[in-house]
Protein backbone atom coordinates (compact mmCIF):
# COMPACT_ATOMS: atom_id res chain seq x y z
CA MET A 1 -9.94 23.14 -21.09
CA THR A 2 -10.97 19.84 -22.74
CA ASN A 3 -10.73 16.64 -20.94
CA HIS A 4 -7.66 15.64 -22.32
CA GLU A 5 -6.04 18.66 -21.63
CA LEU A 6 -7.49 18.09 -17.75
CA ASP A 7 -5.38 14.64 -17.48
CA LEU A 8 -2.46 15.90 -19.06
CA SER A 9 -2.20 19.25 -16.63
CA ILE A 10 -2.70 16.61 -13.71
CA LEU A 11 0.08 14.39 -14.85
CA LYS A 12 2.41 16.94 -15.19
CA ALA A 13 2.05 18.00 -11.63
CA LEU A 14 2.62 14.63 -11.05
CA ILE A 15 5.86 14.38 -12.77
CA THR A 16 7.21 17.84 -11.83
CA SER A 17 6.00 18.48 -8.42
CA LYS A 18 7.15 16.12 -5.28
CA LYS A 19 4.22 17.91 -3.27
CA SER A 20 1.32 17.18 -5.68
CA ALA A 21 2.43 13.74 -6.50
CA LEU A 22 2.61 12.74 -2.72
CA GLU A 23 -0.69 14.30 -2.22
CA PHE A 24 -2.39 12.42 -5.11
CA VAL A 25 -0.93 9.07 -3.66
CA HIS A 26 -2.78 10.00 -0.72
CA ASP A 27 -6.17 11.28 -0.98
CA ALA A 28 -6.74 10.28 -4.95
CA ASP A 29 -6.47 7.06 -7.06
CA PRO A 30 -5.41 6.63 -10.81
CA LYS A 31 -8.41 5.22 -12.15
CA LEU A 32 -9.72 8.99 -11.92
CA PHE A 33 -7.77 9.44 -15.67
CA HIS A 34 -9.10 8.74 -18.57
CA SER A 35 -8.54 4.70 -19.82
CA ASP A 36 -6.03 6.67 -22.34
CA TYR A 37 -3.83 7.78 -19.51
CA TRP A 38 -4.48 4.92 -17.01
CA ARG A 39 -1.76 3.00 -17.23
CA PHE A 40 0.81 5.81 -17.29
CA ALA A 41 -0.66 7.62 -14.79
CA LYS A 42 -0.55 4.13 -12.20
CA ALA A 43 2.86 3.88 -12.98
CA ILE A 44 4.05 7.49 -12.02
CA LEU A 45 2.22 6.80 -8.65
CA ASP A 46 3.32 3.53 -7.93
CA TYR A 47 6.83 4.75 -8.63
CA THR A 48 6.07 8.04 -6.13
CA LYS A 49 4.06 5.46 -3.72
CA ILE A 50 7.47 3.43 -3.07
CA TYR A 51 10.05 5.94 -3.84
CA LYS A 52 8.46 9.16 -2.44
CA SER A 53 9.63 11.72 -5.16
CA CYS A 54 8.67 12.27 -9.05
CA ALA A 55 9.06 9.41 -11.36
CA THR A 56 11.77 10.18 -14.59
CA LYS A 57 11.21 9.24 -18.11
CA ARG A 58 13.73 6.46 -17.50
CA THR A 59 12.39 5.17 -14.19
CA LEU A 60 8.98 4.55 -15.95
CA ILE A 61 10.69 2.76 -18.99
CA GLU A 62 12.92 0.92 -16.72
CA GLN A 63 9.60 -0.75 -15.18
CA VAL A 64 8.17 -2.18 -18.38
CA ARG A 65 11.35 -2.53 -20.31
CA LYS A 66 10.34 -6.15 -21.12
CA ASN A 67 7.48 -4.66 -23.10
CA GLU A 68 8.33 -3.09 -26.17
CA SER A 69 4.83 -1.67 -26.92
CA LEU A 70 4.49 -0.07 -23.58
CA VAL A 71 8.20 1.46 -23.76
CA LYS A 72 7.52 2.84 -26.91
CA HIS A 73 3.74 4.28 -25.04
CA PHE A 74 5.28 5.47 -21.97
CA SER A 75 8.16 7.02 -24.08
CA GLU A 76 5.74 8.99 -26.34
CA MET A 77 3.53 9.92 -23.09
CA PHE A 78 6.14 11.38 -21.02
CA ASP A 79 7.20 13.68 -23.95
CA LYS A 80 3.52 14.84 -24.54
CA VAL A 81 3.32 15.34 -20.95
CA SER A 82 6.37 17.14 -20.54
CA MET A 83 5.44 19.73 -23.13
CA THR A 84 1.82 20.50 -21.76
CA VAL A 85 2.25 24.07 -20.12
CA TYR A 86 0.67 24.23 -16.40
CA ASP A 87 0.62 26.32 -13.67
CA GLU A 88 1.14 24.64 -10.29
CA LYS A 89 -0.99 27.01 -8.18
CA GLU A 90 -4.03 25.45 -10.31
CA TYR A 91 -3.62 21.86 -9.31
CA ALA A 92 -6.03 21.68 -6.45
CA PHE A 93 -8.99 23.34 -8.67
CA ASP A 94 -8.31 21.05 -11.69
CA LEU A 95 -7.88 18.01 -9.31
CA GLU A 96 -11.21 18.50 -7.93
CA ARG A 97 -12.83 19.00 -11.49
CA LEU A 98 -10.95 15.35 -12.22
CA LYS A 99 -12.81 13.98 -9.25
CA ASN A 100 -15.97 15.26 -10.22
CA ARG A 101 -15.72 14.12 -13.60
CA TYR A 102 -14.90 10.44 -12.37
CA SER A 103 -18.02 10.86 -10.46
CA GLU A 104 -20.36 12.07 -13.15
CA LYS A 105 -19.19 9.04 -15.26
CA LEU A 106 -19.88 6.55 -12.40
CA ILE A 107 -23.53 7.71 -12.11
CA SER A 108 -24.10 7.89 -15.92
CA ASP A 109 -22.61 4.46 -16.24
CA LEU A 110 -24.74 3.39 -13.28
CA ARG A 111 -28.13 4.77 -15.24
CA LYS A 112 -27.18 2.99 -18.12
CA ASN A 113 -26.64 -0.39 -16.30
CA LEU A 114 -29.82 -0.13 -14.49
CA ASP A 115 -31.98 0.94 -17.55
CA GLY A 116 -34.56 -1.69 -17.66
CA SER A 117 -33.09 -4.13 -14.85
CA VAL A 118 -34.78 -6.34 -12.97
CA ASP A 119 -32.25 -7.64 -11.03
CA VAL A 120 -32.69 -6.25 -7.50
CA LYS A 121 -29.70 -8.10 -6.15
CA LYS A 122 -27.37 -7.05 -8.79
CA GLY A 123 -28.85 -3.19 -9.09
CA ILE A 124 -28.09 -2.88 -5.18
CA SER A 125 -24.84 -4.25 -5.51
CA GLU A 126 -24.17 -1.75 -8.42
CA ILE A 127 -25.41 1.26 -6.65
CA GLN A 128 -23.41 0.13 -3.68
CA GLY A 129 -20.37 -0.17 -5.96
CA ALA A 130 -21.04 3.41 -7.48
CA LEU A 131 -21.50 5.12 -3.86
CA ASN A 132 -18.29 3.48 -2.60
CA GLY A 133 -16.39 5.02 -6.30
CA ILE A 134 -17.86 8.55 -5.47
CA LYS A 135 -17.02 8.52 -1.57
CA SER A 136 -13.53 7.17 -2.28
CA VAL A 137 -12.59 9.90 -4.79
CA SER A 138 -14.84 12.88 -2.68
CA GLY A 139 -12.03 13.51 -0.18
CA GLY A 140 -8.81 12.52 1.73
CA LYS A 141 -8.50 9.01 3.07
CA GLN A 142 -8.61 9.86 6.61
CA TYR A 143 -10.39 7.99 9.23
CA LYS A 144 -10.28 10.17 12.16
CA GLU A 145 -8.58 13.52 13.26
CA GLY A 146 -8.20 15.52 16.19
CA THR A 147 -5.50 17.04 18.92
CA LEU A 148 -3.92 15.16 21.49
CA ARG A 149 -5.81 17.99 23.68
CA ASP A 150 -8.98 16.96 22.05
CA TYR A 151 -8.30 13.14 23.04
CA GLY A 152 -8.35 13.76 26.70
CA LYS A 153 -12.07 13.20 27.03
CA ASP A 154 -12.12 10.18 24.92
CA PHE A 155 -9.00 8.49 26.97
CA ARG A 156 -10.74 9.46 30.29
CA GLU A 157 -14.33 7.49 28.86
CA ILE A 158 -12.55 4.64 27.56
CA TYR A 159 -10.14 4.39 30.61
CA GLU A 160 -13.39 4.43 33.14
CA ALA A 161 -15.04 2.00 30.98
CA LYS A 162 -12.08 -0.57 31.14
CA LEU A 163 -12.11 -0.35 35.14
CA LYS A 164 -15.70 -1.34 34.94
CA ASP A 165 -15.43 -3.64 32.29
CA PRO A 166 -12.04 -5.23 31.97
CA GLY A 167 -13.20 -6.87 28.48
CA TYR A 168 -14.09 -3.49 26.99
CA GLY A 169 -12.20 -2.57 24.03
CA SER A 170 -10.58 -5.80 23.16
CA GLY A 171 -9.86 -7.44 20.33
CA THR A 172 -11.39 -10.37 18.97
CA LYS A 173 -9.68 -13.40 20.16
CA CYS A 174 -8.83 -15.85 17.50
CA GLY A 175 -8.29 -18.91 20.02
CA TYR A 176 -4.56 -19.03 19.58
CA ALA A 177 -2.84 -17.76 22.96
CA PHE A 178 0.37 -16.82 20.74
CA ILE A 179 -1.62 -14.26 19.17
CA ASP A 180 -4.53 -13.11 21.47
CA GLU A 181 -1.82 -12.52 24.62
CA PRO A 182 0.55 -10.26 23.26
CA THR A 183 -1.85 -8.45 20.94
CA GLY A 184 -5.30 -8.43 23.03
CA GLY A 185 -7.02 -9.78 20.07
CA LEU A 186 -7.41 -8.74 16.46
CA LYS A 187 -9.37 -5.05 16.30
CA HIS A 188 -11.41 -3.72 13.49
CA SER A 189 -9.39 -2.28 10.83
CA GLU A 190 -6.77 -4.66 11.15
CA LEU A 191 -5.03 -7.02 8.33
CA PHE A 192 -3.47 -10.24 9.93
CA LEU A 193 -1.42 -12.03 7.22
CA VAL A 194 -0.02 -15.61 7.79
CA GLY A 195 3.28 -16.64 5.76
CA GLY A 196 4.27 -20.08 4.89
CA THR A 197 5.94 -22.16 1.99
CA THR A 198 3.71 -24.45 -0.51
CA ALA A 199 1.52 -27.09 1.84
CA ALA A 200 2.87 -25.55 5.19
CA GLY A 201 -0.91 -25.40 6.26
CA LYS A 202 -1.50 -21.31 5.53
CA SER A 203 -5.22 -21.76 4.47
CA LEU A 204 -5.89 -24.62 7.31
CA PHE A 205 -4.52 -22.32 9.85
CA MET A 206 -6.47 -19.25 8.47
CA MET A 207 -9.55 -21.28 8.30
CA ASN A 208 -9.05 -22.62 12.00
CA MET A 209 -8.76 -18.87 13.12
CA ALA A 210 -11.82 -17.61 11.38
CA LEU A 211 -13.99 -21.07 12.65
CA ASN A 212 -12.55 -20.06 16.36
CA MET A 213 -13.83 -16.39 15.78
CA PHE A 214 -16.71 -17.40 14.65
CA LEU A 215 -17.58 -19.51 17.55
CA ALA A 216 -16.06 -17.21 20.09
CA GLY A 217 -16.34 -19.66 23.00
CA ASN A 218 -19.33 -21.76 21.32
CA ASP A 219 -19.54 -25.27 20.23
CA ILE A 220 -21.59 -27.69 18.96
CA ASN A 221 -22.94 -28.86 22.60
CA THR A 222 -24.36 -25.26 23.17
CA THR A 223 -27.85 -25.43 23.01
CA ASP A 224 -28.87 -21.91 23.97
CA ASP A 225 -27.58 -18.98 26.12
CA PHE A 226 -24.73 -18.27 23.46
CA ARG A 227 -22.13 -16.05 23.99
CA PRO A 228 -21.37 -13.51 21.30
CA GLY A 229 -19.95 -14.76 18.42
CA ASN A 230 -18.72 -13.23 14.95
CA ASP A 231 -20.07 -13.51 11.56
CA VAL A 232 -17.58 -14.12 8.87
CA VAL A 233 -17.36 -14.15 4.96
CA PHE A 234 -14.75 -16.51 3.75
CA TYR A 235 -13.64 -15.78 -0.19
CA SER A 236 -11.69 -19.34 -1.50
CA LEU A 237 -9.74 -17.96 -4.71
CA GLU A 238 -8.30 -21.72 -4.78
CA MET A 239 -10.16 -24.28 -3.09
CA ASN A 240 -14.01 -24.76 -4.25
CA HIS A 241 -17.07 -24.46 -1.95
CA SER A 242 -17.76 -28.32 -1.41
CA ASP A 243 -14.41 -29.01 -0.50
CA LEU A 244 -13.82 -25.85 2.03
CA CYS A 245 -17.31 -26.32 3.32
CA GLN A 246 -16.65 -30.13 3.93
CA ARG A 247 -13.38 -29.10 5.85
CA LEU A 248 -15.34 -26.46 8.15
CA ILE A 249 -17.91 -29.49 9.09
CA ALA A 250 -15.23 -31.80 9.79
CA ALA A 251 -13.44 -29.09 11.84
CA LEU A 252 -16.74 -28.39 13.59
CA ALA A 253 -17.73 -31.81 14.59
CA LYS A 254 -14.36 -33.15 14.83
CA VAL A 255 -14.44 -36.06 12.46
CA PRO A 256 -11.94 -37.26 9.65
CA GLN A 257 -12.41 -35.23 6.77
CA MET A 258 -12.01 -38.33 4.62
CA ALA A 259 -14.52 -40.19 6.32
CA ILE A 260 -17.17 -37.22 5.21
CA ARG A 261 -16.05 -37.04 1.44
CA ASP A 262 -16.15 -40.91 1.16
CA ALA A 263 -19.22 -41.00 3.21
CA LYS A 264 -17.67 -43.47 5.72
CA LEU A 265 -18.65 -41.71 8.90
CA THR A 266 -19.37 -44.04 11.95
CA ASP A 267 -22.41 -43.96 13.81
CA GLU A 268 -20.68 -41.57 16.38
CA GLU A 269 -19.44 -39.44 13.87
CA LYS A 270 -22.93 -39.09 11.92
CA LYS A 271 -24.41 -38.02 15.45
CA ARG A 272 -21.59 -35.15 15.91
CA VAL A 273 -22.13 -34.04 12.36
CA SER A 274 -25.73 -34.17 12.67
CA LYS A 275 -24.94 -31.80 16.12
CA ALA A 276 -22.83 -29.73 13.98
CA PHE A 277 -25.87 -28.64 11.50
CA SER A 278 -28.31 -28.79 14.07
CA PHE A 279 -25.98 -26.04 15.82
CA LEU A 280 -25.36 -24.00 12.78
CA SER A 281 -29.45 -23.66 12.32
CA ARG A 282 -30.14 -22.26 15.80
CA TYR A 283 -26.47 -20.12 16.06
CA PRO A 284 -27.37 -16.60 15.33
CA TYR A 285 -24.20 -15.82 13.56
CA GLN A 286 -23.24 -16.67 9.82
CA PHE A 287 -20.06 -17.89 8.38
CA SER A 288 -20.27 -17.57 4.54
CA VAL A 289 -18.48 -19.18 2.19
CA ILE A 290 -17.83 -17.67 -1.43
CA ASP A 291 -15.76 -19.24 -4.42
CA THR A 292 -14.48 -17.07 -6.73
CA PRO A 293 -11.67 -17.82 -8.53
CA ARG A 294 -11.11 -14.57 -10.34
CA LEU A 295 -11.40 -11.91 -7.23
CA THR A 296 -9.60 -8.12 -7.41
CA PRO A 297 -9.92 -5.64 -4.59
CA GLN A 298 -12.60 -3.79 -6.37
CA GLY A 299 -14.77 -6.85 -6.86
CA LEU A 300 -14.16 -7.68 -2.81
CA GLU A 301 -15.37 -4.42 -2.19
CA LEU A 302 -18.54 -4.92 -4.44
CA SER A 303 -18.81 -8.33 -2.79
CA LEU A 304 -18.53 -7.08 0.90
CA ASN A 305 -21.43 -4.38 -0.16
CA SER A 306 -23.52 -7.07 -1.33
CA GLU A 307 -23.20 -9.29 1.57
CA ILE A 308 -24.18 -6.28 3.61
CA ALA A 309 -27.26 -5.24 1.61
CA LYS A 310 -28.29 -9.00 1.47
CA ASN A 311 -27.68 -9.69 5.61
CA GLY A 312 -28.55 -6.34 6.74
CA LYS A 313 -25.08 -5.93 8.72
CA LYS A 314 -21.47 -6.38 7.97
CA PRO A 315 -19.24 -9.19 8.45
CA THR A 316 -17.10 -9.00 11.67
CA ILE A 317 -14.31 -11.02 9.79
CA CYS A 318 -13.21 -11.53 6.05
CA CYS A 319 -10.89 -13.96 4.76
CA VAL A 320 -9.12 -14.12 1.71
CA ASP A 321 -7.40 -17.38 0.68
CA TYR A 322 -5.10 -15.90 -0.75
CA LEU A 323 -3.19 -12.42 -1.37
CA ASN A 324 -0.67 -13.96 -4.02
CA ILE A 325 -3.69 -15.21 -6.42
CA LEU A 326 -5.62 -12.06 -5.80
CA ARG A 327 -5.71 -10.28 -9.17
CA PRO A 328 -4.83 -6.32 -9.40
CA ASP A 329 -7.67 -4.15 -10.27
CA SER A 330 -5.92 -2.93 -13.09
CA GLY A 331 -5.00 -6.49 -14.70
CA ASN A 332 -1.56 -4.82 -15.07
CA LYS A 333 1.04 -7.45 -14.50
CA GLU A 334 4.24 -5.90 -15.67
CA ASN A 335 5.47 -4.95 -12.24
CA GLN A 336 7.38 -7.59 -10.41
CA ASP A 337 5.58 -9.96 -8.18
CA TRP A 338 6.68 -8.33 -5.01
CA LEU A 339 5.17 -4.71 -5.89
CA LEU A 340 2.23 -6.41 -7.15
CA GLN A 341 1.80 -8.05 -3.57
CA SER A 342 2.71 -4.94 -2.03
CA GLU A 343 0.06 -3.41 -3.61
CA LEU A 344 -2.41 -5.84 -2.96
CA SER A 345 -1.74 -6.12 0.91
CA GLU A 346 -2.16 -2.02 0.77
CA ASN A 347 -5.65 -2.93 -1.13
CA LEU A 348 -6.55 -5.27 1.53
CA HIS A 349 -5.34 -3.00 4.56
CA GLU A 350 -7.48 -0.12 2.67
CA LEU A 351 -10.94 -2.26 2.59
CA ALA A 352 -10.22 -3.52 6.12
CA ARG A 353 -10.11 0.09 7.56
CA SER A 354 -13.12 1.63 4.93
CA PHE A 355 -15.49 -1.50 6.25
CA GLU A 356 -14.09 -1.68 9.63
CA LEU A 357 -13.83 -5.56 9.83
CA ILE A 358 -10.97 -7.85 10.47
CA MET A 359 -8.96 -9.04 7.34
CA LEU A 360 -7.17 -12.24 7.10
CA SER A 361 -4.92 -13.26 4.23
CA ALA A 362 -1.90 -15.53 3.48
CA ILE A 363 1.00 -15.12 1.62
CA GLN A 364 3.20 -17.68 -0.25
CA LEU A 365 6.97 -18.00 0.92
CA ASN A 366 9.25 -19.73 -1.40
CA PRO A 367 13.10 -20.56 -0.38
CA LYS A 368 15.44 -19.41 -2.77
CA SER A 369 17.58 -22.12 -3.81
CA GLY A 370 20.35 -23.03 -1.91
CA ASP A 371 18.52 -22.01 1.03
CA LYS A 372 18.48 -24.87 4.38
CA GLU A 373 14.99 -26.24 4.19
CA GLY A 374 14.03 -27.11 7.37
CA SER A 375 16.32 -25.35 9.44
CA GLY A 376 13.58 -24.19 11.76
CA GLU A 377 14.13 -20.56 11.17
CA PHE A 378 12.06 -19.44 8.23
CA GLY A 379 11.26 -16.00 9.20
CA ILE A 380 10.54 -12.75 7.68
CA LYS A 381 13.72 -13.26 5.08
CA SER A 382 14.22 -10.41 2.56
CA LEU A 383 11.62 -8.10 3.18
CA ARG A 384 14.11 -5.39 2.53
CA ARG A 385 12.85 -5.21 -1.27
CA SER A 386 9.69 -5.86 -0.51
CA THR A 387 8.95 -4.40 3.20
CA SER A 388 5.75 -2.74 2.07
CA ILE A 389 4.14 -6.50 2.01
CA ALA A 390 4.09 -6.44 5.58
CA ASP A 391 4.36 -2.73 6.11
CA HIS A 392 0.58 -2.89 5.28
CA CYS A 393 -0.22 -5.60 7.66
CA ASP A 394 -1.01 -5.29 11.62
CA VAL A 395 0.13 -8.71 12.69
CA LEU A 396 2.23 -11.22 10.60
CA ALA A 397 2.59 -15.03 11.50
CA ILE A 398 5.28 -17.09 9.80
CA ILE A 399 4.27 -20.89 9.63
CA GLN A 400 8.05 -22.66 10.38
CA SER A 401 9.18 -25.29 7.69
CA ARG A 402 11.33 -28.26 8.97
CA ARG A 403 13.12 -30.95 7.37
CA ASN A 404 10.65 -33.80 7.62
CA GLU A 405 8.15 -31.87 8.57
CA ARG A 406 5.00 -34.08 8.29
CA SER A 407 6.79 -36.28 11.36
CA TYR A 408 6.16 -33.76 13.65
CA PRO A 409 3.01 -33.99 15.71
CA ASP A 410 3.24 -30.02 16.41
CA PHE A 411 2.72 -26.94 14.12
CA ALA A 412 5.40 -24.71 14.68
CA ILE A 413 4.53 -20.83 13.82
CA SER A 414 6.28 -17.62 14.86
CA LEU A 415 4.69 -14.38 15.53
CA ALA A 416 6.85 -12.28 13.20
CA LYS A 417 5.31 -8.56 13.61
CA ASN A 418 2.85 -7.02 16.00
CA ARG A 419 2.17 -3.81 16.02
CA ARG A 420 1.05 -3.64 19.80
CA GLY A 421 3.29 -5.84 21.62
CA MET A 422 5.73 -8.33 21.80
CA LEU A 423 6.63 -11.35 19.11
CA THR A 424 6.17 -15.06 20.17
CA ASP A 425 7.13 -18.58 19.13
CA ALA A 426 4.50 -21.42 19.51
CA LYS A 427 3.79 -25.26 19.09
CA LEU A 428 0.26 -26.05 18.24
CA ARG A 429 -1.12 -29.40 17.93
CA LYS A 430 -1.80 -31.02 14.68
CA ASN A 431 -4.95 -32.85 13.93
CA PHE A 432 -4.99 -32.53 9.90
CA GLU A 433 -7.24 -35.80 10.14
CA CYS A 434 -10.32 -33.58 11.13
CA CYS A 435 -8.85 -30.38 9.83
CA LEU A 436 -7.76 -28.88 12.95
CA ILE A 437 -4.95 -26.50 14.22
CA GLU A 438 -5.37 -26.72 18.02
CA ASP A 439 -3.91 -24.35 20.88
CA GLN A 440 -1.45 -25.66 23.24
CA LYS A 441 -1.51 -22.63 25.48
CA ASN A 442 1.84 -23.87 27.49
CA ASP A 443 4.11 -23.61 24.80
CA MET A 444 4.74 -20.21 23.65
CA ASN A 445 8.06 -18.61 23.80
CA SER A 446 8.79 -14.74 23.58
CA GLY A 447 10.24 -14.48 19.82
CA SER A 448 12.92 -12.18 18.47
CA ASN A 449 12.35 -8.97 17.69
CA ASP A 450 14.71 -8.94 14.77
CA ILE A 451 12.68 -8.43 11.09
CA GLU A 452 14.73 -9.92 8.63
CA ASP A 453 14.42 -9.59 4.77
CA ILE A 454 12.15 -11.95 2.86
CA SER A 455 11.33 -10.19 -0.53
CA GLY A 456 13.34 -13.13 -1.98
CA LEU A 457 10.72 -15.57 -0.61
CA VAL A 458 7.36 -14.14 -1.41
CA GLY A 459 6.08 -15.35 -5.06
């Protein structure tokens, strides 16, 4: 069987066998296919992922109906695949061959890229990327398995450890009671999303969360005997490195950002900024800022591997600011926005689980024309169509947008999804001058459990 025959055989299984298609979605990836078939394979698998059944010629063409060349390509490809003679009993054998072919290509490409290379950092990154690519196709995407009976031993050990140390197994606190109390803190492998309209404060809120988790109760006045903190890597797809760092220093030192920008700090403010940098020089944890406007999930994976190789350890928290401007690995934008963002949220959750870190990101919500702006009840509206955007996250917070929002001294936000507990509403304190959103622990209420439809808001 030639390489192209192998691709066609697997594709035939994906359009004729629901079982094979679902298995492929679970433990493989369309990147296994030859470049001639990749886009077609991805369309098949996107359909199966959403509708849990095999794609038909009509449903595939409908996805790309606005692109005449793709309509023609998909039509011809479907006919070609349909004519392929294939025995379903050979599917597992051929899938393994497909995976091996992909791994061999990665190794071959790696050899070519490293041939004569003297850039050690780039070489390490490429080796890590190739290894992760091979690992990603060498087996199913299972993270841990076992029977409930077997879990008995783990349960006893966890329970006894919790009795001795109430903090054992707790998540990482983000400094906001309306999240920390109902969740017990965010845990490794979890994806947290914050949603809001344009200029609602998504990036600032996420930055404050990350800074709180980095500090973990320490502050610039802490000189020694630091409490355990967390390493953070913050990927900025929108704001440049200098502006984001100025925001972080303003928040850390609690001084006005504009005074930093315009070099108009008072003597007292200069002392606080100096103390902040002195603290950072001694603090044993790092807050890394990476300005990268054209990031993809695969690029994020490679960058994280590079950070781990450079620092000798993985970060506890990874922030991506923000999901809507993250680019799909394929570069294919034929799907509707909500489908692409659903795929990207799945990618981020997958990376959180594979790297065992906490992933923070944000989603842009756009109110429909005619909506009552500022009703104070901007919730998860319209996730009927795009429910998988929120399905892939563990915790979702929505920033409320009220009429004349700038006149309010508080920052209204709701916990709209929480896999481990109740939902809450909170009023935080705005200190935008210093790039701060501060907790008000006593102003927190239990929220509604209603999950409304928001796909029309995601843009």
